[in-house]
N, C-alpha and C. Protein backbone atom coordinates (compact mmCIF):
# COMPACT_ATOMS: atom_id res chain seq x y z
N MET A 1 -104.67 -164.11 -200.18
CA MET A 1 -103.24 -164.20 -199.96
C MET A 1 -102.70 -165.36 -200.78
N LYS A 2 -101.66 -165.08 -201.51
CA LYS A 2 -101.00 -166.13 -202.29
C LYS A 2 -99.67 -166.46 -201.62
N ILE A 3 -99.46 -167.75 -201.41
CA ILE A 3 -98.28 -168.23 -200.69
C ILE A 3 -97.50 -169.18 -201.59
N ALA A 4 -96.19 -168.96 -201.69
CA ALA A 4 -95.30 -169.90 -202.37
C ALA A 4 -94.70 -170.82 -201.31
N VAL A 5 -94.75 -172.12 -201.57
CA VAL A 5 -94.23 -173.12 -200.64
C VAL A 5 -93.08 -173.84 -201.33
N ILE A 6 -91.87 -173.68 -200.77
CA ILE A 6 -90.70 -174.30 -201.38
C ILE A 6 -89.98 -175.18 -200.36
N SER A 7 -89.22 -176.12 -200.87
CA SER A 7 -88.50 -177.03 -199.99
C SER A 7 -87.28 -177.60 -200.71
N ASP A 8 -86.36 -178.08 -199.92
CA ASP A 8 -85.24 -178.89 -200.41
C ASP A 8 -84.45 -178.22 -201.53
N SER A 9 -83.95 -177.03 -201.23
CA SER A 9 -83.07 -176.33 -202.19
C SER A 9 -81.63 -176.83 -202.08
N HIS A 10 -81.26 -177.37 -200.94
CA HIS A 10 -79.97 -178.03 -200.72
C HIS A 10 -78.76 -177.19 -201.13
N ASN A 11 -78.84 -175.89 -200.92
CA ASN A 11 -77.71 -174.98 -201.19
C ASN A 11 -77.20 -175.05 -202.62
N VAL A 12 -78.08 -175.38 -203.56
CA VAL A 12 -77.70 -175.49 -204.97
C VAL A 12 -78.07 -174.18 -205.67
N ASN A 13 -77.06 -173.45 -206.13
CA ASN A 13 -77.28 -172.13 -206.70
C ASN A 13 -78.24 -172.14 -207.88
N SER A 14 -78.14 -173.13 -208.75
CA SER A 14 -79.04 -173.17 -209.92
C SER A 14 -80.50 -173.29 -209.48
N ALA A 15 -80.76 -174.04 -208.42
CA ALA A 15 -82.13 -174.17 -207.89
C ALA A 15 -82.59 -172.86 -207.27
N ILE A 16 -81.70 -172.22 -206.53
CA ILE A 16 -82.02 -170.94 -205.89
C ILE A 16 -82.39 -169.90 -206.94
N GLN A 17 -81.60 -169.81 -207.99
CA GLN A 17 -81.87 -168.82 -209.05
C GLN A 17 -83.13 -169.18 -209.84
N ALA A 18 -83.34 -170.46 -210.08
CA ALA A 18 -84.49 -170.90 -210.89
C ALA A 18 -85.83 -170.59 -210.23
N VAL A 19 -85.89 -170.62 -208.91
CA VAL A 19 -87.18 -170.43 -208.22
C VAL A 19 -87.57 -168.96 -208.08
N LYS A 20 -86.62 -168.06 -208.17
CA LYS A 20 -86.90 -166.64 -207.92
C LYS A 20 -88.05 -166.07 -208.75
N PRO A 21 -88.13 -166.33 -210.06
CA PRO A 21 -89.26 -165.79 -210.82
C PRO A 21 -90.63 -166.33 -210.38
N TYR A 22 -90.63 -167.48 -209.75
CA TYR A 22 -91.89 -168.12 -209.34
C TYR A 22 -92.45 -167.56 -208.02
N ILE A 23 -91.67 -166.72 -207.35
CA ILE A 23 -92.14 -166.15 -206.08
C ILE A 23 -92.40 -164.65 -206.19
N SER A 24 -92.24 -164.08 -207.36
CA SER A 24 -92.32 -162.63 -207.51
C SER A 24 -93.71 -162.05 -207.26
N ASP A 25 -94.76 -162.83 -207.46
CA ASP A 25 -96.12 -162.29 -207.33
C ASP A 25 -96.87 -162.83 -206.11
N VAL A 26 -96.15 -163.33 -205.11
CA VAL A 26 -96.81 -163.89 -203.93
C VAL A 26 -96.71 -162.92 -202.75
N ASP A 27 -97.51 -163.19 -201.73
CA ASP A 27 -97.51 -162.37 -200.52
C ASP A 27 -96.59 -162.95 -199.45
N ILE A 28 -96.45 -164.27 -199.45
CA ILE A 28 -95.68 -164.97 -198.42
C ILE A 28 -94.86 -166.07 -199.08
N VAL A 29 -93.62 -166.26 -198.61
CA VAL A 29 -92.78 -167.39 -199.03
C VAL A 29 -92.50 -168.25 -197.81
N LEU A 30 -92.72 -169.55 -197.96
CA LEU A 30 -92.44 -170.52 -196.91
C LEU A 30 -91.39 -171.51 -197.42
N HIS A 31 -90.33 -171.72 -196.64
CA HIS A 31 -89.30 -172.70 -196.99
C HIS A 31 -89.35 -173.81 -195.95
N LEU A 32 -89.47 -175.05 -196.41
CA LEU A 32 -89.69 -176.19 -195.52
C LEU A 32 -88.42 -176.97 -195.18
N GLY A 33 -87.26 -176.37 -195.35
CA GLY A 33 -86.03 -176.98 -194.88
C GLY A 33 -85.22 -177.70 -195.93
N ASP A 34 -84.04 -178.15 -195.49
CA ASP A 34 -82.97 -178.66 -196.35
C ASP A 34 -82.59 -177.59 -197.36
N GLY A 35 -82.02 -176.56 -196.78
CA GLY A 35 -81.62 -175.37 -197.52
C GLY A 35 -82.08 -174.12 -196.80
N ALA A 36 -82.29 -174.22 -195.48
CA ALA A 36 -82.74 -173.06 -194.71
C ALA A 36 -81.77 -171.89 -194.86
N ALA A 37 -80.49 -172.18 -195.01
CA ALA A 37 -79.51 -171.11 -195.20
C ALA A 37 -79.70 -170.40 -196.54
N ASP A 38 -80.46 -171.00 -197.45
CA ASP A 38 -80.73 -170.40 -198.77
C ASP A 38 -81.85 -169.37 -198.73
N ILE A 39 -82.61 -169.32 -197.66
CA ILE A 39 -83.80 -168.48 -197.61
C ILE A 39 -83.48 -167.02 -197.91
N LYS A 40 -82.43 -166.51 -197.32
CA LYS A 40 -82.06 -165.10 -197.52
C LYS A 40 -81.78 -164.82 -198.99
N GLU A 41 -81.04 -165.70 -199.65
CA GLU A 41 -80.71 -165.52 -201.07
C GLU A 41 -81.95 -165.68 -201.95
N ILE A 42 -82.77 -166.66 -201.67
CA ILE A 42 -83.97 -166.90 -202.47
C ILE A 42 -84.90 -165.69 -202.42
N THR A 43 -85.02 -165.08 -201.24
CA THR A 43 -85.99 -164.00 -201.06
C THR A 43 -85.37 -162.60 -201.13
N MET A 44 -84.13 -162.50 -201.58
CA MET A 44 -83.50 -161.19 -201.70
C MET A 44 -84.34 -160.30 -202.63
N GLY A 45 -84.74 -159.14 -202.14
CA GLY A 45 -85.57 -158.23 -202.91
C GLY A 45 -87.06 -158.48 -202.77
N PHE A 46 -87.43 -159.59 -202.15
CA PHE A 46 -88.84 -159.93 -201.94
C PHE A 46 -89.39 -159.06 -200.81
N LYS A 47 -90.55 -158.48 -200.99
CA LYS A 47 -91.10 -157.53 -200.02
C LYS A 47 -92.13 -158.14 -199.06
N GLY A 48 -92.53 -159.37 -199.27
CA GLY A 48 -93.55 -159.99 -198.43
C GLY A 48 -92.98 -160.66 -197.20
N GLU A 49 -93.81 -161.44 -196.54
CA GLU A 49 -93.40 -162.19 -195.35
C GLU A 49 -92.66 -163.46 -195.76
N VAL A 50 -91.69 -163.86 -194.94
CA VAL A 50 -90.89 -165.06 -195.20
C VAL A 50 -90.77 -165.85 -193.90
N TYR A 51 -91.03 -167.16 -193.99
CA TYR A 51 -90.89 -168.05 -192.84
C TYR A 51 -90.15 -169.30 -193.28
N GLY A 52 -89.39 -169.88 -192.36
CA GLY A 52 -88.67 -171.11 -192.69
C GLY A 52 -88.51 -172.02 -191.49
N VAL A 53 -88.28 -173.28 -191.79
CA VAL A 53 -87.95 -174.28 -190.78
C VAL A 53 -86.71 -175.03 -191.26
N LYS A 54 -86.08 -175.75 -190.35
CA LYS A 54 -84.89 -176.50 -190.75
C LYS A 54 -85.23 -177.95 -191.04
N GLY A 55 -84.40 -178.54 -191.90
CA GLY A 55 -84.55 -179.95 -192.24
C GLY A 55 -83.40 -180.77 -191.69
N ASN A 56 -83.36 -182.03 -192.06
CA ASN A 56 -82.32 -182.92 -191.55
C ASN A 56 -80.93 -182.60 -192.08
N CYS A 57 -80.82 -181.81 -193.13
CA CYS A 57 -79.51 -181.42 -193.68
C CYS A 57 -79.14 -179.99 -193.32
N ASP A 58 -79.90 -179.35 -192.44
CA ASP A 58 -79.64 -177.96 -192.05
C ASP A 58 -78.96 -177.90 -190.69
N PHE A 59 -77.88 -177.14 -190.65
CA PHE A 59 -77.14 -176.99 -189.40
C PHE A 59 -76.98 -175.52 -189.03
N CYS A 60 -77.72 -174.65 -189.71
CA CYS A 60 -77.67 -173.22 -189.42
C CYS A 60 -78.57 -172.91 -188.23
N GLU A 61 -78.27 -171.82 -187.55
CA GLU A 61 -79.05 -171.39 -186.39
C GLU A 61 -80.25 -170.57 -186.83
N GLY A 62 -81.22 -170.48 -185.96
CA GLY A 62 -82.32 -169.55 -186.16
C GLY A 62 -83.59 -170.11 -186.77
N TYR A 63 -83.61 -171.40 -187.07
CA TYR A 63 -84.81 -171.99 -187.66
C TYR A 63 -85.27 -173.16 -186.80
N PRO A 64 -86.57 -173.20 -186.47
CA PRO A 64 -87.09 -174.29 -185.65
C PRO A 64 -87.36 -175.55 -186.48
N ASN A 65 -87.61 -176.66 -185.81
CA ASN A 65 -87.99 -177.91 -186.50
C ASN A 65 -89.39 -177.81 -187.08
N GLU A 66 -90.25 -177.07 -186.41
CA GLU A 66 -91.60 -176.85 -186.92
C GLU A 66 -92.06 -175.47 -186.50
N LYS A 67 -93.00 -174.95 -187.25
CA LYS A 67 -93.52 -173.61 -186.98
C LYS A 67 -94.99 -173.59 -187.36
N ILE A 68 -95.77 -172.89 -186.56
CA ILE A 68 -97.18 -172.69 -186.89
C ILE A 68 -97.38 -171.22 -187.21
N ILE A 69 -98.00 -170.97 -188.36
CA ILE A 69 -98.34 -169.60 -188.72
C ILE A 69 -99.84 -169.52 -188.97
N LYS A 70 -100.37 -168.34 -188.83
CA LYS A 70 -101.80 -168.11 -189.10
C LYS A 70 -101.88 -167.16 -190.28
N VAL A 71 -102.60 -167.57 -191.31
CA VAL A 71 -102.84 -166.73 -192.48
C VAL A 71 -104.35 -166.59 -192.62
N LEU A 72 -104.82 -165.38 -192.41
CA LEU A 72 -106.25 -165.11 -192.37
C LEU A 72 -106.91 -166.06 -191.38
N ASP A 73 -107.84 -166.91 -191.83
CA ASP A 73 -108.52 -167.80 -190.89
C ASP A 73 -107.95 -169.23 -190.90
N LYS A 74 -106.77 -169.41 -191.49
CA LYS A 74 -106.18 -170.76 -191.59
C LYS A 74 -104.92 -170.86 -190.73
N LYS A 75 -104.82 -171.96 -190.00
CA LYS A 75 -103.66 -172.27 -189.18
C LYS A 75 -102.82 -173.30 -189.93
N ILE A 76 -101.53 -172.98 -190.11
CA ILE A 76 -100.65 -173.80 -190.96
C ILE A 76 -99.47 -174.33 -190.15
N LEU A 77 -99.25 -175.64 -190.23
CA LEU A 77 -98.06 -176.27 -189.65
C LEU A 77 -97.02 -176.42 -190.75
N MET A 78 -95.84 -175.85 -190.50
CA MET A 78 -94.69 -176.00 -191.39
C MET A 78 -93.67 -176.91 -190.71
N CYS A 79 -93.17 -177.89 -191.42
CA CYS A 79 -92.07 -178.71 -190.91
C CYS A 79 -91.38 -179.36 -192.11
N HIS A 80 -90.21 -179.91 -191.87
CA HIS A 80 -89.52 -180.59 -192.97
C HIS A 80 -90.12 -181.97 -193.20
N GLY A 81 -90.48 -182.64 -192.12
CA GLY A 81 -91.14 -183.94 -192.24
C GLY A 81 -90.31 -185.12 -191.81
N HIS A 82 -89.00 -184.95 -191.73
CA HIS A 82 -88.14 -186.09 -191.38
C HIS A 82 -88.43 -186.63 -189.99
N ILE A 83 -88.78 -185.76 -189.05
CA ILE A 83 -89.06 -186.25 -187.69
C ILE A 83 -90.40 -186.97 -187.60
N TYR A 84 -91.19 -186.88 -188.67
CA TYR A 84 -92.48 -187.57 -188.73
C TYR A 84 -92.47 -188.73 -189.73
N ASN A 85 -91.29 -189.10 -190.23
CA ASN A 85 -91.14 -190.27 -191.08
C ASN A 85 -92.00 -190.21 -192.35
N VAL A 86 -92.07 -189.02 -192.98
CA VAL A 86 -92.98 -188.84 -194.12
C VAL A 86 -92.59 -189.61 -195.37
N LYS A 87 -91.38 -190.13 -195.41
CA LYS A 87 -91.00 -190.96 -196.56
C LYS A 87 -91.71 -192.32 -196.51
N MET A 88 -92.14 -192.72 -195.33
CA MET A 88 -92.77 -194.03 -195.16
C MET A 88 -94.29 -193.97 -194.99
N GLU A 89 -94.78 -192.93 -194.28
CA GLU A 89 -96.21 -192.84 -194.01
C GLU A 89 -96.57 -191.41 -193.60
N LEU A 90 -97.87 -191.09 -193.68
CA LEU A 90 -98.33 -189.75 -193.33
C LEU A 90 -99.18 -189.72 -192.06
N ASN A 91 -99.43 -190.86 -191.46
CA ASN A 91 -100.28 -190.92 -190.28
C ASN A 91 -99.70 -190.12 -189.11
N THR A 92 -98.40 -190.21 -188.89
CA THR A 92 -97.77 -189.53 -187.76
C THR A 92 -97.89 -188.02 -187.90
N ILE A 93 -97.63 -187.51 -189.09
CA ILE A 93 -97.73 -186.07 -189.30
C ILE A 93 -99.19 -185.61 -189.24
N MET A 94 -100.11 -186.46 -189.67
CA MET A 94 -101.54 -186.15 -189.55
C MET A 94 -101.94 -186.04 -188.08
N CYS A 95 -101.46 -186.96 -187.27
CA CYS A 95 -101.76 -186.91 -185.83
C CYS A 95 -101.21 -185.64 -185.21
N ARG A 96 -100.01 -185.24 -185.63
CA ARG A 96 -99.42 -183.99 -185.12
C ARG A 96 -100.27 -182.79 -185.52
N GLY A 97 -100.72 -182.76 -186.74
CA GLY A 97 -101.57 -181.67 -187.21
C GLY A 97 -102.87 -181.59 -186.43
N LYS A 98 -103.48 -182.74 -186.17
CA LYS A 98 -104.72 -182.78 -185.38
C LYS A 98 -104.48 -182.32 -183.95
N GLU A 99 -103.35 -182.78 -183.38
CA GLU A 99 -102.99 -182.39 -182.01
C GLU A 99 -102.85 -180.87 -181.90
N LEU A 100 -102.29 -180.24 -182.92
CA LEU A 100 -102.07 -178.80 -182.91
C LEU A 100 -103.28 -178.00 -183.40
N GLY A 101 -104.27 -178.68 -183.94
CA GLY A 101 -105.48 -178.01 -184.40
C GLY A 101 -105.28 -177.15 -185.64
N VAL A 102 -104.44 -177.62 -186.55
CA VAL A 102 -104.17 -176.84 -187.77
C VAL A 102 -105.14 -177.23 -188.89
N ASP A 103 -105.17 -176.38 -189.90
CA ASP A 103 -105.99 -176.63 -191.09
C ASP A 103 -105.15 -177.20 -192.23
N ILE A 104 -103.85 -176.82 -192.24
CA ILE A 104 -102.96 -177.17 -193.35
C ILE A 104 -101.64 -177.69 -192.77
N ILE A 105 -101.12 -178.77 -193.36
CA ILE A 105 -99.81 -179.31 -192.99
C ILE A 105 -98.91 -179.24 -194.22
N LEU A 106 -97.78 -178.55 -194.07
CA LEU A 106 -96.80 -178.43 -195.15
C LEU A 106 -95.52 -179.13 -194.73
N PHE A 107 -94.98 -179.96 -195.61
CA PHE A 107 -93.76 -180.69 -195.31
C PHE A 107 -92.99 -180.97 -196.59
N GLY A 108 -91.72 -181.29 -196.44
CA GLY A 108 -90.86 -181.62 -197.58
C GLY A 108 -90.23 -182.99 -197.37
N HIS A 109 -88.90 -183.04 -197.48
CA HIS A 109 -88.06 -184.20 -197.18
C HIS A 109 -88.03 -185.26 -198.28
N SER A 110 -89.16 -185.70 -198.77
CA SER A 110 -89.17 -186.81 -199.73
C SER A 110 -88.91 -186.38 -201.17
N HIS A 111 -88.95 -185.07 -201.44
CA HIS A 111 -88.81 -184.51 -202.80
C HIS A 111 -89.95 -184.94 -203.71
N LEU A 112 -91.00 -185.48 -203.15
CA LEU A 112 -92.13 -186.00 -203.92
C LEU A 112 -93.36 -185.11 -203.69
N CYS A 113 -93.91 -184.57 -204.77
CA CYS A 113 -95.08 -183.69 -204.68
C CYS A 113 -96.30 -184.46 -204.18
N ILE A 114 -96.98 -183.85 -203.22
CA ILE A 114 -98.22 -184.43 -202.71
C ILE A 114 -99.18 -183.29 -202.38
N ILE A 115 -100.42 -183.43 -202.80
CA ILE A 115 -101.51 -182.60 -202.29
C ILE A 115 -102.66 -183.55 -202.04
N GLU A 116 -103.10 -183.62 -200.80
CA GLU A 116 -104.26 -184.44 -200.50
C GLU A 116 -104.99 -183.90 -199.28
N LYS A 117 -106.24 -184.23 -199.20
CA LYS A 117 -107.06 -183.82 -198.07
C LYS A 117 -107.50 -185.06 -197.32
N GLN A 118 -107.24 -185.08 -196.02
CA GLN A 118 -107.62 -186.21 -195.17
C GLN A 118 -108.21 -185.68 -193.88
N ASP A 119 -109.35 -186.17 -193.51
CA ASP A 119 -109.98 -185.80 -192.23
C ASP A 119 -110.04 -184.29 -192.02
N GLY A 120 -110.32 -183.56 -193.07
CA GLY A 120 -110.44 -182.11 -192.97
C GLY A 120 -109.13 -181.35 -192.98
N LEU A 121 -108.00 -182.07 -193.08
CA LEU A 121 -106.69 -181.43 -193.14
C LEU A 121 -106.16 -181.44 -194.57
N LEU A 122 -105.60 -180.33 -195.00
CA LEU A 122 -104.93 -180.26 -196.29
C LEU A 122 -103.45 -180.54 -196.07
N LEU A 123 -102.91 -181.54 -196.78
CA LEU A 123 -101.49 -181.86 -196.71
C LEU A 123 -100.84 -181.49 -198.03
N MET A 124 -99.68 -180.84 -197.95
CA MET A 124 -98.93 -180.53 -199.16
C MET A 124 -97.44 -180.75 -198.94
N ASN A 125 -96.85 -181.47 -199.89
CA ASN A 125 -95.40 -181.52 -200.05
C ASN A 125 -95.15 -180.92 -201.42
N PRO A 126 -94.45 -179.78 -201.49
CA PRO A 126 -94.26 -179.12 -202.78
C PRO A 126 -93.21 -179.76 -203.68
N GLY A 127 -92.61 -180.84 -203.22
CA GLY A 127 -91.50 -181.43 -203.97
C GLY A 127 -90.22 -180.67 -203.64
N SER A 128 -89.28 -180.69 -204.54
CA SER A 128 -87.98 -180.04 -204.32
C SER A 128 -87.70 -179.04 -205.43
N ILE A 129 -87.16 -177.87 -205.05
CA ILE A 129 -86.75 -176.93 -206.10
C ILE A 129 -85.40 -177.35 -206.69
N PHE A 130 -84.74 -178.31 -206.05
CA PHE A 130 -83.45 -178.82 -206.53
C PHE A 130 -83.61 -180.03 -207.44
N ARG A 131 -84.22 -181.08 -206.92
CA ARG A 131 -84.39 -182.31 -207.70
C ARG A 131 -85.57 -183.09 -207.15
N GLY A 132 -86.58 -183.27 -207.97
CA GLY A 132 -87.78 -183.99 -207.55
C GLY A 132 -87.58 -185.50 -207.57
N ALA A 133 -88.48 -186.20 -206.88
CA ALA A 133 -88.40 -187.66 -206.81
C ALA A 133 -89.44 -188.36 -207.67
N GLY A 134 -90.34 -187.61 -208.25
CA GLY A 134 -91.38 -188.20 -209.08
C GLY A 134 -91.20 -187.84 -210.53
N ILE A 135 -92.30 -187.75 -211.25
CA ILE A 135 -92.23 -187.40 -212.67
C ILE A 135 -91.92 -185.92 -212.88
N ILE A 136 -92.16 -185.11 -211.85
CA ILE A 136 -91.82 -183.69 -211.93
C ILE A 136 -90.39 -183.51 -211.43
N ARG A 137 -89.56 -182.90 -212.25
CA ARG A 137 -88.14 -182.76 -211.93
C ARG A 137 -87.90 -181.79 -210.78
N ARG A 138 -88.39 -180.55 -210.91
CA ARG A 138 -88.24 -179.54 -209.86
C ARG A 138 -89.58 -178.82 -209.72
N SER A 139 -89.96 -178.50 -208.49
CA SER A 139 -91.29 -177.92 -208.31
C SER A 139 -91.39 -177.08 -207.04
N LEU A 140 -92.48 -176.33 -206.98
CA LEU A 140 -92.88 -175.63 -205.77
C LEU A 140 -94.39 -175.68 -205.69
N GLY A 141 -94.91 -175.35 -204.53
CA GLY A 141 -96.35 -175.36 -204.34
C GLY A 141 -96.88 -173.96 -204.10
N TYR A 142 -98.17 -173.82 -204.30
CA TYR A 142 -98.85 -172.55 -204.02
C TYR A 142 -100.11 -172.82 -203.21
N LEU A 143 -100.40 -171.91 -202.30
CA LEU A 143 -101.66 -171.88 -201.58
C LEU A 143 -102.28 -170.52 -201.83
N GLU A 144 -103.57 -170.51 -202.11
CA GLU A 144 -104.30 -169.25 -202.22
C GLU A 144 -105.39 -169.29 -201.16
N ILE A 145 -105.28 -168.36 -200.22
CA ILE A 145 -106.17 -168.34 -199.07
C ILE A 145 -106.99 -167.06 -199.07
N GLU A 146 -108.30 -167.25 -198.98
CA GLU A 146 -109.24 -166.14 -198.81
C GLU A 146 -110.09 -166.44 -197.60
N GLU A 147 -110.34 -165.42 -196.80
CA GLU A 147 -111.12 -165.56 -195.58
C GLU A 147 -112.45 -166.27 -195.85
N GLY A 148 -112.70 -167.35 -195.09
CA GLY A 148 -113.97 -168.04 -195.17
C GLY A 148 -114.16 -168.95 -196.37
N LYS A 149 -113.14 -169.07 -197.21
CA LYS A 149 -113.27 -169.90 -198.41
C LYS A 149 -112.32 -171.09 -198.32
N GLU A 150 -112.60 -172.09 -199.16
CA GLU A 150 -111.72 -173.25 -199.24
C GLU A 150 -110.38 -172.84 -199.85
N VAL A 151 -109.31 -173.42 -199.34
CA VAL A 151 -107.97 -173.11 -199.82
C VAL A 151 -107.76 -173.72 -201.20
N VAL A 152 -107.20 -172.94 -202.10
CA VAL A 152 -106.80 -173.43 -203.41
C VAL A 152 -105.33 -173.81 -203.30
N SER A 153 -104.98 -175.03 -203.71
CA SER A 153 -103.60 -175.50 -203.62
C SER A 153 -103.20 -176.17 -204.93
N TYR A 154 -101.96 -175.92 -205.34
CA TYR A 154 -101.48 -176.54 -206.57
C TYR A 154 -99.96 -176.57 -206.59
N ILE A 155 -99.43 -177.44 -207.44
CA ILE A 155 -97.99 -177.62 -207.64
C ILE A 155 -97.65 -177.07 -209.02
N LYS A 156 -96.49 -176.43 -209.12
CA LYS A 156 -96.03 -175.93 -210.40
C LYS A 156 -94.61 -176.44 -210.65
N GLU A 157 -94.41 -176.95 -211.84
CA GLU A 157 -93.07 -177.42 -212.22
C GLU A 157 -92.20 -176.22 -212.55
N ILE A 158 -90.95 -176.26 -212.09
CA ILE A 158 -89.98 -175.21 -212.40
C ILE A 158 -89.28 -175.61 -213.69
N LYS A 159 -89.39 -174.76 -214.67
CA LYS A 159 -88.79 -175.04 -215.99
C LYS A 159 -87.34 -174.59 -216.04
């Protein structure tokens, strides 16, 4: 299963249009908030599964602060990250992931790409499809999950 992980579209049409080609070959699209209202437009015509959570800039109904999904044998926590103070530290979100017994923690908020493994947990922040905070201007993340195998994770810059 190939999963596209996007975050922080911030209702910016150019970002919404730019990411569409990058999700065409995936099975699942995950949006990590700050642009939850953009999910419908981003995934228009997409035939796979779509999940989203809300961020600190989202005021639309229908999206939770966090969501747990199961993909094959992996349990994934999706959240925006603001309620876990991810701009300052990752310990709080790590504790939440351990408490929930997940394998993967996905979060946004900081617009800064991160992929790291700590204490058996995979953490990913895909950056922002609108405007990144690091050397990568705009980005999204991918997860490739196969039953019984280690998860492949990577970030791709949006050109």
